[in-house]
Structure formats: structure tokens, C-alpha cells
Amino acid sequence: MQYALGCKNILTDLTEREEQPTLAKDAPDLERVLRAIANRFPFTGNQPEKIIALAH
């Protein structure tokens, strides 16, 4: 459970940050990982999708 809460905190932090210049370059890898997190931990809500949208 502690790991899951840590993941949620990281997703919240990334969602609220300004877009980074390398985000578009890293988007394919991030998208793969974020989708895996969303599938594994449904309580993350739409946060992974918000982060993915920043890169597109």
C-alpha cells in the first residue's frame, strides 16, 4: 500500500508541474509506464492520462 501511495504522490506532482523540454522526447516511454501504473493502480484516476496529454 505504501508503494501505491508513493506512486499516487508522484503522479500528482508530475500533473501539477510545468511541461519540461524533454517531455516530448520521453513521451513514448513515459506513456508505456504510466498506462501500466494506471492499469495496476486504478485509484490514480485520470492522473496518468493528464501527464500523457502534456507530452502531445
PDB file of N, CA and C in Angstrom:
ATOM      1  N   MET A   1       0.833  -1.191   0.000  1.00  0.00           N
ATOM      2  CA  MET A   1       0.000   0.000   0.000  1.00  0.00           C
ATOM      3  C   MET A   1       0.878   1.256   0.000  1.00  0.00           C
ATOM      4  N   GLN A   2       1.975   1.211   0.731  1.00  0.00           N
ATOM      5  CA  GLN A   2       2.881   2.360   0.799  1.00  0.00           C
ATOM      6  C   GLN A   2       3.419   2.702  -0.591  1.00  0.00           C
ATOM      7  N   TYR A   3       3.772   1.671  -1.364  1.00  0.00           N
ATOM      8  CA  TYR A   3       4.269   1.874  -2.725  1.00  0.00           C
ATOM      9  C   TYR A   3       3.204   2.551  -3.591  1.00  0.00           C
ATOM     10  N   ALA A   4       1.971   2.095  -3.466  1.00  0.00           N
ATOM     11  CA  ALA A   4       0.881   2.653  -4.254  1.00  0.00           C
ATOM     12  C   ALA A   4       0.655   4.123  -3.916  1.00  0.00           C
ATOM     13  N   LEU A   5       0.728   4.466  -2.642  1.00  0.00           N
ATOM     14  CA  LEU A   5       0.556   5.867  -2.249  1.00  0.00           C
ATOM     15  C   LEU A   5       1.709   6.725  -2.769  1.00  0.00           C
ATOM     16  N   GLY A   6       2.895   6.167  -2.776  1.00  0.00           N
ATOM     17  CA  GLY A   6       4.043   6.885  -3.334  1.00  0.00           C
ATOM     18  C   GLY A   6       3.849   7.158  -4.815  1.00  0.00           C
ATOM     19  N   CYS A   7       3.357   6.161  -5.537  1.00  0.00           N
ATOM     20  CA  CYS A   7       3.079   6.342  -6.977  1.00  0.00           C
ATOM     21  C   CYS A   7       2.046   7.441  -7.183  1.00  0.00           C
ATOM     22  N   LYS A   8       1.002   7.444  -6.362  1.00  0.00           N
ATOM     23  CA  LYS A   8      -0.029   8.473  -6.489  1.00  0.00           C
ATOM     24  C   LYS A   8       0.554   9.865  -6.227  1.00  0.00           C
ATOM     25  N   ASN A   9       1.408   9.984  -5.241  1.00  0.00           N
ATOM     26  CA  ASN A   9       2.033  11.280  -4.946  1.00  0.00           C
ATOM     27  C   ASN A   9       2.918  11.748  -6.095  1.00  0.00           C
ATOM     28  N   ILE A  10       3.643  10.840  -6.699  1.00  0.00           N
ATOM     29  CA  ILE A  10       4.486  11.189  -7.844  1.00  0.00           C
ATOM     30  C   ILE A  10       3.629  11.649  -9.008  1.00  0.00           C
ATOM     31  N   LEU A  11       2.541  10.941  -9.278  1.00  0.00           N
ATOM     32  CA  LEU A  11       1.649  11.328 -10.371  1.00  0.00           C
ATOM     33  C   LEU A  11       1.031  12.701 -10.123  1.00  0.00           C
ATOM     34  N   THR A  12       0.656  12.967  -8.888  1.00  0.00           N
ATOM     35  CA  THR A  12       0.106  14.288  -8.553  1.00  0.00           C
ATOM     36  C   THR A  12       1.149  15.367  -8.810  1.00  0.00           C
ATOM     37  N   ASP A  13       2.363  15.134  -8.376  1.00  0.00           N
ATOM     38  CA  ASP A  13       3.440  16.099  -8.577  1.00  0.00           C
ATOM     39  C   ASP A  13       3.676  16.350 -10.062  1.00  0.00           C
ATOM     40  N   LEU A  14       3.759  15.294 -10.853  1.00  0.00           N
ATOM     41  CA  LEU A  14       4.007  15.460 -12.287  1.00  0.00           C
ATOM     42  C   LEU A  14       2.857  16.168 -12.990  1.00  0.00           C
ATOM     43  N   THR A  15       1.636  15.914 -12.545  1.00  0.00           N
ATOM     44  CA  THR A  15       0.466  16.544 -13.148  1.00  0.00           C
ATOM     45  C   THR A  15       0.484  18.053 -12.933  1.00  0.00           C
ATOM     46  N   GLU A  16       0.993  18.492 -11.790  1.00  0.00           N
ATOM     47  CA  GLU A  16       0.954  19.909 -11.440  1.00  0.00           C
ATOM     48  C   GLU A  16       2.186  20.683 -11.903  1.00  0.00           C
ATOM     49  N   ARG A  17       3.185  20.028 -12.416  1.00  0.00           N
ATOM     50  CA  ARG A  17       4.408  20.703 -12.863  1.00  0.00           C
ATOM     51  C   ARG A  17       4.229  21.338 -14.228  1.00  0.00           C
ATOM     52  N   GLU A  18       5.120  22.255 -14.523  1.00  0.00           N
ATOM     53  CA  GLU A  18       5.178  22.839 -15.858  1.00  0.00           C
ATOM     54  C   GLU A  18       5.802  21.817 -16.810  1.00  0.00           C
ATOM     55  N   GLU A  19       5.450  21.906 -18.080  1.00  0.00           N
ATOM     56  CA  GLU A  19       5.985  20.973 -19.071  1.00  0.00           C
ATOM     57  C   GLU A  19       7.501  21.136 -19.184  1.00  0.00           C
ATOM     58  N   GLN A  20       8.185  20.026 -19.200  1.00  0.00           N
ATOM     59  CA  GLN A  20       9.639  20.029 -19.320  1.00  0.00           C
ATOM     60  C   GLN A  20      10.039  19.919 -20.789  1.00  0.00           C
ATOM     61  N   PRO A  21      11.164  20.512 -21.191  1.00  0.00           N
ATOM     62  CA  PRO A  21      11.565  20.489 -22.597  1.00  0.00           C
ATOM     63  C   PRO A  21      11.802  19.090 -23.161  1.00  0.00           C
ATOM     64  N   THR A  22      12.147  18.139 -22.335  1.00  0.00           N
ATOM     65  CA  THR A  22      12.424  16.788 -22.833  1.00  0.00           C
ATOM     66  C   THR A  22      11.198  15.878 -22.782  1.00  0.00           C
ATOM     67  N   LEU A  23      10.084  16.393 -22.328  1.00  0.00           N
ATOM     68  CA  LEU A  23       8.902  15.563 -22.161  1.00  0.00           C
ATOM     69  C   LEU A  23       8.451  14.931 -23.476  1.00  0.00           C
ATOM     70  N   ALA A  24       8.456  15.691 -24.554  1.00  0.00           N
ATOM     71  CA  ALA A  24       8.017  15.149 -25.841  1.00  0.00           C
ATOM     72  C   ALA A  24       8.933  14.006 -26.297  1.00  0.00           C
ATOM     73  N   LYS A  25      10.216  14.153 -26.059  1.00  0.00           N
ATOM     74  CA  LYS A  25      11.172  13.109 -26.448  1.00  0.00           C
ATOM     75  C   LYS A  25      10.971  11.831 -25.634  1.00  0.00           C
ATOM     76  N   ASP A  26      10.654  12.002 -24.372  1.00  0.00           N
ATOM     77  CA  ASP A  26      10.483  10.872 -23.471  1.00  0.00           C
ATOM     78  C   ASP A  26       9.061  10.306 -23.486  1.00  0.00           C
ATOM     79  N   ALA A  27       8.165  10.938 -24.230  1.00  0.00           N
ATOM     80  CA  ALA A  27       6.742  10.593 -24.193  1.00  0.00           C
ATOM     81  C   ALA A  27       6.444   9.113 -24.433  1.00  0.00           C
ATOM     82  N   PRO A  28       7.034   8.466 -25.443  1.00  0.00           N
ATOM     83  CA  PRO A  28       6.681   7.051 -25.657  1.00  0.00           C
ATOM     84  C   PRO A  28       6.986   6.160 -24.447  1.00  0.00           C
ATOM     85  N   ASP A  29       8.136   6.359 -23.837  1.00  0.00           N
ATOM     86  CA  ASP A  29       8.486   5.550 -22.663  1.00  0.00           C
ATOM     87  C   ASP A  29       7.592   5.896 -21.476  1.00  0.00           C
ATOM     88  N   LEU A  30       7.365   7.187 -21.268  1.00  0.00           N
ATOM     89  CA  LEU A  30       6.509   7.608 -20.166  1.00  0.00           C
ATOM     90  C   LEU A  30       5.088   7.084 -20.341  1.00  0.00           C
ATOM     91  N   GLU A  31       4.590   7.158 -21.561  1.00  0.00           N
ATOM     92  CA  GLU A  31       3.231   6.700 -21.820  1.00  0.00           C
ATOM     93  C   GLU A  31       3.080   5.213 -21.491  1.00  0.00           C
ATOM     94  N   ARG A  32       4.036   4.416 -21.889  1.00  0.00           N
ATOM     95  CA  ARG A  32       4.001   2.980 -21.606  1.00  0.00           C
ATOM     96  C   ARG A  32       3.969   2.719 -20.095  1.00  0.00           C
ATOM     97  N   VAL A  33       4.832   3.407 -19.372  1.00  0.00           N
ATOM     98  CA  VAL A  33       4.917   3.210 -17.922  1.00  0.00           C
ATOM     99  C   VAL A  33       3.663   3.738 -17.227  1.00  0.00           C
ATOM    100  N   LEU A  34       3.203   4.909 -17.636  1.00  0.00           N
ATOM    101  CA  LEU A  34       2.025   5.493 -16.989  1.00  0.00           C
ATOM    102  C   LEU A  34       0.770   4.659 -17.233  1.00  0.00           C
ATOM    103  N   ARG A  35       0.651   4.102 -18.413  1.00  0.00           N
ATOM    104  CA  ARG A  35      -0.510   3.232 -18.678  1.00  0.00           C
ATOM    105  C   ARG A  35      -0.433   1.963 -17.820  1.00  0.00           C
ATOM    106  N   ALA A  36       0.757   1.451 -17.630  1.00  0.00           N
ATOM    107  CA  ALA A  36       0.921   0.271 -16.766  1.00  0.00           C
ATOM    108  C   ALA A  36       0.555   0.607 -15.320  1.00  0.00           C
ATOM    109  N   ILE A  37       0.964   1.787 -14.856  1.00  0.00           N
ATOM    110  CA  ILE A  37       0.612   2.220 -13.491  1.00  0.00           C
ATOM    111  C   ILE A  37      -0.896   2.371 -13.361  1.00  0.00           C
ATOM    112  N   ALA A  38      -1.538   3.006 -14.361  1.00  0.00           N
ATOM    113  CA  ALA A  38      -2.983   3.208 -14.313  1.00  0.00           C
ATOM    114  C   ALA A  38      -3.726   1.875 -14.278  1.00  0.00           C
ATOM    115  N   ASN A  39      -3.239   0.889 -15.023  1.00  0.00           N
ATOM    116  CA  ASN A  39      -3.880  -0.426 -15.028  1.00  0.00           C
ATOM    117  C   ASN A  39      -3.683  -1.159 -13.709  1.00  0.00           C
ATOM    118  N   ARG A  40      -2.515  -1.001 -13.147  1.00  0.00           N
ATOM    119  CA  ARG A  40      -2.197  -1.717 -11.901  1.00  0.00           C
ATOM    120  C   ARG A  40      -2.840  -1.053 -10.679  1.00  0.00           C
ATOM    121  N   PHE A  41      -2.908   0.288 -10.698  1.00  0.00           N
ATOM    122  CA  PHE A  41      -3.424   1.048  -9.556  1.00  0.00           C
ATOM    123  C   PHE A  41      -4.555   1.965 -10.028  1.00  0.00           C
ATOM    124  N   PRO A  42      -5.767   1.447 -10.130  1.00  0.00           N
ATOM    125  CA  PRO A  42      -6.883   2.236 -10.657  1.00  0.00           C
ATOM    126  C   PRO A  42      -7.188   3.511  -9.853  1.00  0.00           C
ATOM    127  N   PHE A  43      -6.778   3.564  -8.588  1.00  0.00           N
ATOM    128  CA  PHE A  43      -7.071   4.737  -7.775  1.00  0.00           C
ATOM    129  C   PHE A  43      -6.334   5.987  -8.255  1.00  0.00           C
ATOM    130  N   THR A  44      -5.404   5.829  -9.205  1.00  0.00           N
ATOM    131  CA  THR A  44      -4.705   7.002  -9.734  1.00  0.00           C
ATOM    132  C   THR A  44      -5.624   7.871 -10.578  1.00  0.00           C
ATOM    133  N   GLY A  45      -6.819   7.361 -10.870  1.00  0.00           N
ATOM    134  CA  GLY A  45      -7.812   8.150 -11.604  1.00  0.00           C
ATOM    135  C   GLY A  45      -7.312   8.533 -12.982  1.00  0.00           C
ATOM    136  N   ASN A  46      -7.503   9.798 -13.322  1.00  0.00           N
ATOM    137  CA  ASN A  46      -7.096  10.260 -14.653  1.00  0.00           C
ATOM    138  C   ASN A  46      -5.734  10.936 -14.647  1.00  0.00           C
ATOM    139  N   GLN A  47      -5.000  10.849 -13.553  1.00  0.00           N
ATOM    140  CA  GLN A  47      -3.693  11.497 -13.488  1.00  0.00           C
ATOM    141  C   GLN A  47      -2.722  10.999 -14.555  1.00  0.00           C
ATOM    142  N   PRO A  48      -2.618   9.687 -14.796  1.00  0.00           N
ATOM    143  CA  PRO A  48      -1.715   9.245 -15.867  1.00  0.00           C
ATOM    144  C   PRO A  48      -2.099   9.840 -17.224  1.00  0.00           C
ATOM    145  N   GLU A  49      -3.392   9.909 -17.511  1.00  0.00           N
ATOM    146  CA  GLU A  49      -3.838  10.470 -18.787  1.00  0.00           C
ATOM    147  C   GLU A  49      -3.503  11.962 -18.892  1.00  0.00           C
ATOM    148  N   LYS A  50      -3.597  12.685 -17.795  1.00  0.00           N
ATOM    149  CA  LYS A  50      -3.239  14.103 -17.790  1.00  0.00           C
ATOM    150  C   LYS A  50      -1.756  14.289 -18.147  1.00  0.00           C
ATOM    151  N   ILE A  51      -0.918  13.433 -17.582  1.00  0.00           N
ATOM    152  CA  ILE A  51       0.523  13.535 -17.849  1.00  0.00           C
ATOM    153  C   ILE A  51       0.809  13.186 -19.308  1.00  0.00           C
ATOM    154  N   ILE A  52       0.171  12.142 -19.805  1.00  0.00           N
ATOM    155  CA  ILE A  52       0.353  11.746 -21.205  1.00  0.00           C
ATOM    156  C   ILE A  52      -0.076  12.875 -22.135  1.00  0.00           C
ATOM    157  N   ALA A  53      -1.169  13.541 -21.810  1.00  0.00           N
ATOM    158  CA  ALA A  53      -1.661  14.643 -22.644  1.00  0.00           C
ATOM    159  C   ALA A  53      -0.673  15.807 -22.702  1.00  0.00           C
ATOM    160  N   LEU A  54       0.097  16.026 -21.657  1.00  0.00           N
ATOM    161  CA  LEU A  54       1.101  17.105 -21.663  1.00  0.00           C
ATOM    162  C   LEU A  54       2.153  16.891 -22.731  1.00  0.00           C
ATOM    163  N   ALA A  55       2.429  15.642 -23.041  1.00  0.00           N
ATOM    164  CA  ALA A  55       3.502  15.329 -23.984  1.00  0.00           C
ATOM    165  C   ALA A  55       3.054  15.401 -25.440  1.00  0.00           C
ATOM    166  N   HIS A  56       1.763  15.504 -25.656  1.00  0.00           N
ATOM    167  CA  HIS A  56       1.266  15.507 -27.035  1.00  0.00           C
ATOM    168  C   HIS A  56       0.844  16.871 -27.502  1.00  0.00           C
TER     169      HIS A  56
END
